[in-house]
Amino acid sequence: MADEKIKVVAYSGYRGEERPKAIFLKNQEIEIIEILSLWVEEGINDKARKRYFIVKERGGSIQKIYYDEKAKEWFLTKN
């Protein structure tokens, strides 16, 4: 199953989309209250970078999202 493209409100620092502050799921804005983990993965062949975040929403749910630097898009992982 493919990851779902989502809209994210993010703090933008010198690198652009640096830190998610809220995500939109089913047209509803959900505030992120804590970033539990973050890391960067880089593709071996194409050197495409993805910045992953495990976040806790205001309602307590945990989501794994990432920013694809090549596509300049945010995604919600399905695993």
PDB file of N, CA and C in Angstrom:
ATOM      1  N   MET A   1       0.842  -1.174   0.000  1.00  0.00           N
ATOM      2  CA  MET A   1       0.000   0.000   0.000  1.00  0.00           C
ATOM      3  C   MET A   1       0.891   1.243   0.000  1.00  0.00           C
ATOM      4  N   ALA A   2       0.569   2.196  -0.841  1.00  0.00           N
ATOM      5  CA  ALA A   2       1.366   3.412  -0.974  1.00  0.00           C
ATOM      6  C   ALA A   2       1.107   4.364   0.192  1.00  0.00           C
ATOM      7  N   ASP A   3       2.119   5.157   0.500  1.00  0.00           N
ATOM      8  CA  ASP A   3       1.968   6.177   1.530  1.00  0.00           C
ATOM      9  C   ASP A   3       1.011   7.250   1.020  1.00  0.00           C
ATOM     10  N   GLU A   4       0.335   7.917   1.951  1.00  0.00           N
ATOM     11  CA  GLU A   4      -0.677   8.916   1.608  1.00  0.00           C
ATOM     12  C   GLU A   4      -0.077  10.323   1.660  1.00  0.00           C
ATOM     13  N   LYS A   5      -0.239  11.075   0.573  1.00  0.00           N
ATOM     14  CA  LYS A   5       0.215  12.461   0.561  1.00  0.00           C
ATOM     15  C   LYS A   5      -0.707  13.268   1.464  1.00  0.00           C
ATOM     16  N   ILE A   6      -0.109  14.104   2.326  1.00  0.00           N
ATOM     17  CA  ILE A   6      -0.898  14.894   3.258  1.00  0.00           C
ATOM     18  C   ILE A   6      -0.426  16.339   3.248  1.00  0.00           C
ATOM     19  N   LYS A   7      -1.259  17.213   3.794  1.00  0.00           N
ATOM     20  CA  LYS A   7      -0.893  18.615   3.975  1.00  0.00           C
ATOM     21  C   LYS A   7      -0.393  18.770   5.410  1.00  0.00           C
ATOM     22  N   VAL A   8       0.686  19.516   5.577  1.00  0.00           N
ATOM     23  CA  VAL A   8       1.291  19.725   6.889  1.00  0.00           C
ATOM     24  C   VAL A   8       1.586  21.206   7.073  1.00  0.00           C
ATOM     25  N   VAL A   9       1.281  21.706   8.252  1.00  0.00           N
ATOM     26  CA  VAL A   9       1.718  23.042   8.645  1.00  0.00           C
ATOM     27  C   VAL A   9       3.037  22.832   9.369  1.00  0.00           C
ATOM     28  N   ALA A  10       4.093  23.477   8.879  1.00  0.00           N
ATOM     29  CA  ALA A  10       5.421  23.223   9.436  1.00  0.00           C
ATOM     30  C   ALA A  10       6.152  24.513   9.716  1.00  0.00           C
ATOM     31  N   TYR A  11       7.021  24.442  10.717  1.00  0.00           N
ATOM     32  CA  TYR A  11       7.973  25.525  10.954  1.00  0.00           C
ATOM     33  C   TYR A  11       9.000  25.452   9.836  1.00  0.00           C
ATOM     34  N   SER A  12       9.234  26.553   9.183  1.00  0.00           N
ATOM     35  CA  SER A  12      10.212  26.587   8.089  1.00  0.00           C
ATOM     36  C   SER A  12      11.430  27.381   8.519  1.00  0.00           C
ATOM     37  N   GLY A  13      12.539  26.694   8.658  1.00  0.00           N
ATOM     38  CA  GLY A  13      13.807  27.330   8.984  1.00  0.00           C
ATOM     39  C   GLY A  13      14.626  27.513   7.731  1.00  0.00           C
ATOM     40  N   TYR A  14      15.914  27.541   7.883  1.00  0.00           N
ATOM     41  CA  TYR A  14      16.793  27.767   6.735  1.00  0.00           C
ATOM     42  C   TYR A  14      16.778  26.619   5.732  1.00  0.00           C
ATOM     43  N   ARG A  15      16.360  25.402   6.152  1.00  0.00           N
ATOM     44  CA  ARG A  15      16.289  24.262   5.231  1.00  0.00           C
ATOM     45  C   ARG A  15      14.908  24.106   4.618  1.00  0.00           C
ATOM     46  N   GLY A  16      13.990  24.972   4.932  1.00  0.00           N
ATOM     47  CA  GLY A  16      12.632  24.815   4.417  1.00  0.00           C
ATOM     48  C   GLY A  16      11.747  24.155   5.455  1.00  0.00           C
ATOM     49  N   GLU A  17      11.001  23.155   5.041  1.00  0.00           N
ATOM     50  CA  GLU A  17      10.034  22.469   5.897  1.00  0.00           C
ATOM     51  C   GLU A  17      10.763  21.663   6.970  1.00  0.00           C
ATOM     52  N   GLU A  18      11.054  22.284   8.094  1.00  0.00           N
ATOM     53  CA  GLU A  18      11.897  21.645   9.099  1.00  0.00           C
ATOM     54  C   GLU A  18      11.167  20.821  10.139  1.00  0.00           C
ATOM     55  N   ARG A  19      10.055  21.344  10.676  1.00  0.00           N
ATOM     56  CA  ARG A  19       9.431  20.675  11.807  1.00  0.00           C
ATOM     57  C   ARG A  19       7.908  20.785  11.705  1.00  0.00           C
ATOM     58  N   PRO A  20       7.191  19.654  11.684  1.00  0.00           N
ATOM     59  CA  PRO A  20       5.732  19.706  11.561  1.00  0.00           C
ATOM     60  C   PRO A  20       5.079  20.245  12.832  1.00  0.00           C
ATOM     61  N   LYS A  21       4.073  21.109  12.648  1.00  0.00           N
ATOM     62  CA  LYS A  21       3.318  21.663  13.768  1.00  0.00           C
ATOM     63  C   LYS A  21       1.878  21.158  13.786  1.00  0.00           C
ATOM     64  N   ALA A  22       1.352  20.811  12.609  1.00  0.00           N
ATOM     65  CA  ALA A  22      -0.016  20.288  12.497  1.00  0.00           C
ATOM     66  C   ALA A  22      -0.116  19.511  11.194  1.00  0.00           C
ATOM     67  N   ILE A  23      -1.012  18.524  11.188  1.00  0.00           N
ATOM     68  CA  ILE A  23      -1.273  17.759   9.964  1.00  0.00           C
ATOM     69  C   ILE A  23      -2.763  17.824   9.656  1.00  0.00           C
ATOM     70  N   PHE A  24      -3.090  17.637   8.393  1.00  0.00           N
ATOM     71  CA  PHE A  24      -4.482  17.605   7.964  1.00  0.00           C
ATOM     72  C   PHE A  24      -4.835  16.178   7.569  1.00  0.00           C
ATOM     73  N   LEU A  25      -5.790  15.594   8.264  1.00  0.00           N
ATOM     74  CA  LEU A  25      -6.305  14.267   7.940  1.00  0.00           C
ATOM     75  C   LEU A  25      -7.804  14.385   7.750  1.00  0.00           C
ATOM     76  N   LYS A  26      -8.280  13.935   6.604  1.00  0.00           N
ATOM     77  CA  LYS A  26      -9.708  14.020   6.266  1.00  0.00           C
ATOM     78  C   LYS A  26     -10.219  15.451   6.426  1.00  0.00           C
ATOM     79  N   ASN A  27      -9.455  16.403   5.909  1.00  0.00           N
ATOM     80  CA  ASN A  27      -9.778  17.837   5.919  1.00  0.00           C
ATOM     81  C   ASN A  27      -9.910  18.426   7.315  1.00  0.00           C
ATOM     82  N   GLN A  28      -9.335  17.768   8.313  1.00  0.00           N
ATOM     83  CA  GLN A  28      -9.358  18.279   9.679  1.00  0.00           C
ATOM     84  C   GLN A  28      -7.929  18.553  10.129  1.00  0.00           C
ATOM     85  N   GLU A  29      -7.690  19.768  10.653  1.00  0.00           N
ATOM     86  CA  GLU A  29      -6.356  20.117  11.148  1.00  0.00           C
ATOM     87  C   GLU A  29      -6.172  19.525  12.539  1.00  0.00           C
ATOM     88  N   ILE A  30      -5.061  18.812  12.722  1.00  0.00           N
ATOM     89  CA  ILE A  30      -4.754  18.170  13.998  1.00  0.00           C
ATOM     90  C   ILE A  30      -3.404  18.689  14.473  1.00  0.00           C
ATOM     91  N   GLU A  31      -3.397  19.298  15.642  1.00  0.00           N
ATOM     92  CA  GLU A  31      -2.171  19.866  16.198  1.00  0.00           C
ATOM     93  C   GLU A  31      -1.222  18.768  16.665  1.00  0.00           C
ATOM     94  N   ILE A  32       0.056  18.952  16.372  1.00  0.00           N
ATOM     95  CA  ILE A  32       1.105  18.055  16.863  1.00  0.00           C
ATOM     96  C   ILE A  32       1.624  18.651  18.166  1.00  0.00           C
ATOM     97  N   ILE A  33       1.565  17.856  19.240  1.00  0.00           N
ATOM     98  CA  ILE A  33       1.998  18.383  20.527  1.00  0.00           C
ATOM     99  C   ILE A  33       3.414  17.945  20.893  1.00  0.00           C
ATOM    100  N   GLU A  34       3.911  16.897  20.200  1.00  0.00           N
ATOM    101  CA  GLU A  34       5.258  16.427  20.522  1.00  0.00           C
ATOM    102  C   GLU A  34       5.852  15.644  19.360  1.00  0.00           C
ATOM    103  N   ILE A  35       7.119  15.859  19.105  1.00  0.00           N
ATOM    104  CA  ILE A  35       7.864  15.033  18.155  1.00  0.00           C
ATOM    105  C   ILE A  35       8.609  14.001  18.991  1.00  0.00           C
ATOM    106  N   LEU A  36       8.220  12.735  18.830  1.00  0.00           N
ATOM    107  CA  LEU A  36       8.790  11.665  19.637  1.00  0.00           C
ATOM    108  C   LEU A  36      10.124  11.171  19.101  1.00  0.00           C
ATOM    109  N   SER A  37      10.278  11.224  17.767  1.00  0.00           N
ATOM    110  CA  SER A  37      11.510  10.755  17.143  1.00  0.00           C
ATOM    111  C   SER A  37      11.638  11.403  15.774  1.00  0.00           C
ATOM    112  N   LEU A  38      12.874  11.571  15.320  1.00  0.00           N
ATOM    113  CA  LEU A  38      13.104  12.066  13.960  1.00  0.00           C
ATOM    114  C   LEU A  38      14.434  11.536  13.448  1.00  0.00           C
ATOM    115  N   TRP A  39      14.483  11.323  12.139  1.00  0.00           N
ATOM    116  CA  TRP A  39      15.702  10.849  11.488  1.00  0.00           C
ATOM    117  C   TRP A  39      15.621  11.139   9.996  1.00  0.00           C
ATOM    118  N   VAL A  40      16.771  11.034   9.339  1.00  0.00           N
ATOM    119  CA  VAL A  40      16.866  11.280   7.896  1.00  0.00           C
ATOM    120  C   VAL A  40      17.330  10.005   7.223  1.00  0.00           C
ATOM    121  N   GLU A  41      16.695   9.668   6.099  1.00  0.00           N
ATOM    122  CA  GLU A  41      17.120   8.532   5.278  1.00  0.00           C
ATOM    123  C   GLU A  41      17.455   9.061   3.895  1.00  0.00           C
ATOM    124  N   GLU A  42      18.506   8.506   3.306  1.00  0.00           N
ATOM    125  CA  GLU A  42      18.932   8.922   1.969  1.00  0.00           C
ATOM    126  C   GLU A  42      19.004   7.701   1.077  1.00  0.00           C
ATOM    127  N   GLY A  43      18.417   7.806  -0.116  1.00  0.00           N
ATOM    128  CA  GLY A  43      18.443   6.705  -1.070  1.00  0.00           C
ATOM    129  C   GLY A  43      19.856   6.404  -1.541  1.00  0.00           C
ATOM    130  N   ILE A  44      20.158   5.141  -1.710  1.00  0.00           N
ATOM    131  CA  ILE A  44      21.497   4.725  -2.130  1.00  0.00           C
ATOM    132  C   ILE A  44      21.785   5.149  -3.569  1.00  0.00           C
ATOM    133  N   ASN A  45      20.837   4.911  -4.464  1.00  0.00           N
ATOM    134  CA  ASN A  45      21.066   5.196  -5.882  1.00  0.00           C
ATOM    135  C   ASN A  45      20.800   6.647  -6.265  1.00  0.00           C
ATOM    136  N   ASP A  46      19.677   7.194  -5.807  1.00  0.00           N
ATOM    137  CA  ASP A  46      19.299   8.533  -6.257  1.00  0.00           C
ATOM    138  C   ASP A  46      19.610   9.643  -5.248  1.00  0.00           C
ATOM    139  N   LYS A  47      20.093   9.277  -4.069  1.00  0.00           N
ATOM    140  CA  LYS A  47      20.444  10.241  -3.014  1.00  0.00           C
ATOM    141  C   LYS A  47      19.256  11.096  -2.573  1.00  0.00           C
ATOM    142  N   ALA A  48      18.023  10.617  -2.836  1.00  0.00           N
ATOM    143  CA  ALA A  48      16.826  11.332  -2.400  1.00  0.00           C
ATOM    144  C   ALA A  48      16.719  11.252  -0.882  1.00  0.00           C
ATOM    145  N   ARG A  49      16.537  12.412  -0.255  1.00  0.00           N
ATOM    146  CA  ARG A  49      16.462  12.474   1.211  1.00  0.00           C
ATOM    147  C   ARG A  49      15.014  12.559   1.672  1.00  0.00           C
ATOM    148  N   LYS A  50      14.717  11.803   2.731  1.00  0.00           N
ATOM    149  CA  LYS A  50      13.414  11.867   3.387  1.00  0.00           C
ATOM    150  C   LYS A  50      13.658  12.102   4.867  1.00  0.00           C
ATOM    151  N   ARG A  51      12.932  13.079   5.430  1.00  0.00           N
ATOM    152  CA  ARG A  51      13.039  13.364   6.857  1.00  0.00           C
ATOM    153  C   ARG A  51      11.803  12.818   7.554  1.00  0.00           C
ATOM    154  N   TYR A  52      12.014  11.812   8.392  1.00  0.00           N
ATOM    155  CA  TYR A  52      10.936  11.109   9.087  1.00  0.00           C
ATOM    156  C   TYR A  52      10.695  11.686  10.468  1.00  0.00           C
ATOM    157  N   PHE A  53       9.422  11.667  10.884  1.00  0.00           N
ATOM    158  CA  PHE A  53       9.014  12.125  12.203  1.00  0.00           C
ATOM    159  C   PHE A  53       7.975  11.160  12.757  1.00  0.00           C
ATOM    160  N   ILE A  54       8.127  10.786  13.995  1.00  0.00           N
ATOM    161  CA  ILE A  54       7.052  10.115  14.718  1.00  0.00           C
ATOM    162  C   ILE A  54       6.498  11.181  15.645  1.00  0.00           C
ATOM    163  N   VAL A  55       5.203  11.483  15.469  1.00  0.00           N
ATOM    164  CA  VAL A  55       4.598  12.610  16.169  1.00  0.00           C
ATOM    165  C   VAL A  55       3.400  12.161  16.994  1.00  0.00           C
ATOM    166  N   LYS A  56       3.160  12.926  18.056  1.00  0.00           N
ATOM    167  CA  LYS A  56       1.989  12.702  18.905  1.00  0.00           C
ATOM    168  C   LYS A  56       1.013  13.841  18.663  1.00  0.00           C
ATOM    169  N   GLU A  57      -0.227  13.477  18.333  1.00  0.00           N
ATOM    170  CA  GLU A  57      -1.266  14.464  18.067  1.00  0.00           C
ATOM    171  C   GLU A  57      -1.924  14.911  19.368  1.00  0.00           C
ATOM    172  N   ARG A  58      -2.639  16.022  19.302  1.00  0.00           N
ATOM    173  CA  ARG A  58      -3.351  16.555  20.461  1.00  0.00           C
ATOM    174  C   ARG A  58      -4.258  15.491  21.092  1.00  0.00           C
ATOM    175  N   GLY A  59      -4.909  14.658  20.303  1.00  0.00           N
ATOM    176  CA  GLY A  59      -5.810  13.629  20.823  1.00  0.00           C
ATOM    177  C   GLY A  59      -5.105  12.395  21.362  1.00  0.00           C
ATOM    178  N   GLY A  60      -3.772  12.356  21.254  1.00  0.00           N
ATOM    179  CA  GLY A  60      -3.013  11.234  21.783  1.00  0.00           C
ATOM    180  C   GLY A  60      -2.556  10.215  20.757  1.00  0.00           C
ATOM    181  N   SER A  61      -3.079  10.291  19.536  1.00  0.00           N
ATOM    182  CA  SER A  61      -2.670   9.344  18.495  1.00  0.00           C
ATOM    183  C   SER A  61      -1.225   9.594  18.083  1.00  0.00           C
ATOM    184  N   ILE A  62      -0.568   8.530  17.665  1.00  0.00           N
ATOM    185  CA  ILE A  62       0.813   8.594  17.187  1.00  0.00           C
ATOM    186  C   ILE A  62       0.799   8.347  15.682  1.00  0.00           C
ATOM    187  N   GLN A  63       1.516   9.186  14.929  1.00  0.00           N
ATOM    188  CA  GLN A  63       1.596   9.045  13.473  1.00  0.00           C
ATOM    189  C   GLN A  63       3.054   9.068  13.052  1.00  0.00           C
ATOM    190  N   LYS A  64       3.350   8.351  11.963  1.00  0.00           N
ATOM    191  CA  LYS A  64       4.683   8.404  11.345  1.00  0.00           C
ATOM    192  C   LYS A  64       4.520   9.120  10.009  1.00  0.00           C
ATOM    193  N   ILE A  65       5.193  10.258   9.880  1.00  0.00           N
ATOM    194  CA  ILE A  65       5.107  11.062   8.666  1.00  0.00           C
ATOM    195  C   ILE A  65       6.518  11.341   8.175  1.00  0.00           C
ATOM    196  N   TYR A  66       6.619  11.760   6.916  1.00  0.00           N
ATOM    197  CA  TYR A  66       7.934  12.167   6.408  1.00  0.00           C
ATOM    198  C   TYR A  66       7.794  13.237   5.346  1.00  0.00           C
ATOM    199  N   TYR A  67       8.877  13.992   5.188  1.00  0.00           N
ATOM    200  CA  TYR A  67       8.977  15.013   4.161  1.00  0.00           C
ATOM    201  C   TYR A  67       9.962  14.526   3.118  1.00  0.00           C
ATOM    202  N   ASP A  68       9.507  14.391   1.873  1.00  0.00           N
ATOM    203  CA  ASP A  68      10.341  13.976   0.754  1.00  0.00           C
ATOM    204  C   ASP A  68      10.955  15.246   0.150  1.00  0.00           C
ATOM    205  N   GLU A  69      12.260  15.435   0.370  1.00  0.00           N
ATOM    206  CA  GLU A  69      12.912  16.663  -0.079  1.00  0.00           C
ATOM    207  C   GLU A  69      12.943  16.801  -1.597  1.00  0.00           C
ATOM    208  N   LYS A  70      12.994  15.697  -2.324  1.00  0.00           N
ATOM    209  CA  LYS A  70      13.009  15.752  -3.791  1.00  0.00           C
ATOM    210  C   LYS A  70      11.633  16.165  -4.322  1.00  0.00           C
ATOM    211  N   ALA A  71      10.574  15.533  -3.805  1.00  0.00           N
ATOM    212  CA  ALA A  71       9.215  15.838  -4.251  1.00  0.00           C
ATOM    213  C   ALA A  71       8.660  17.105  -3.602  1.00  0.00           C
ATOM    214  N   LYS A  72       9.281  17.542  -2.494  1.00  0.00           N
ATOM    215  CA  LYS A  72       8.804  18.682  -1.712  1.00  0.00           C
ATOM    216  C   LYS A  72       7.362  18.467  -1.269  1.00  0.00           C
ATOM    217  N   GLU A  73       7.107  17.247  -0.763  1.00  0.00           N
ATOM    218  CA  GLU A  73       5.771  16.844  -0.314  1.00  0.00           C
ATOM    219  C   GLU A  73       5.877  16.098   1.011  1.00  0.00           C
ATOM    220  N   TRP A  74       4.799  16.163   1.797  1.00  0.00           N
ATOM    221  CA  TRP A  74       4.685  15.406   3.055  1.00  0.00           C
ATOM    222  C   TRP A  74       3.838  14.165   2.805  1.00  0.00           C
ATOM    223  N   PHE A  75       4.155  13.086   3.541  1.00  0.00           N
ATOM    224  CA  PHE A  75       3.443  11.813   3.421  1.00  0.00           C
ATOM    225  C   PHE A  75       3.181  11.214   4.794  1.00  0.00           C
ATOM    226  N   LEU A  76       2.069  10.500   4.902  1.00  0.00           N
ATOM    227  CA  LEU A  76       1.729   9.690   6.065  1.00  0.00           C
ATOM    228  C   LEU A  76       2.064   8.255   5.702  1.00  0.00           C
ATOM    229  N   THR A  77       2.879   7.587   6.521  1.00  0.00           N
ATOM    230  CA  THR A  77       3.260   6.204   6.199  1.00  0.00           C
ATOM    231  C   THR A  77       2.099   5.274   6.529  1.00  0.00           C
ATOM    232  N   LYS A  78       2.005   4.205   5.780  1.00  0.00           N
ATOM    233  CA  LYS A  78       0.933   3.226   5.960  1.00  0.00           C
ATOM    234  C   LYS A  78       1.377   2.017   6.764  1.00  0.00           C
ATOM    235  N   ASN A  79       2.623   2.000   7.249  1.00  0.00           N
ATOM    236  CA  ASN A  79       3.087   0.842   8.047  1.00  0.00           C
ATOM    237  C   ASN A  79       3.368   1.255   9.465  1.00  0.00           C
TER     238      ASN A  79
END
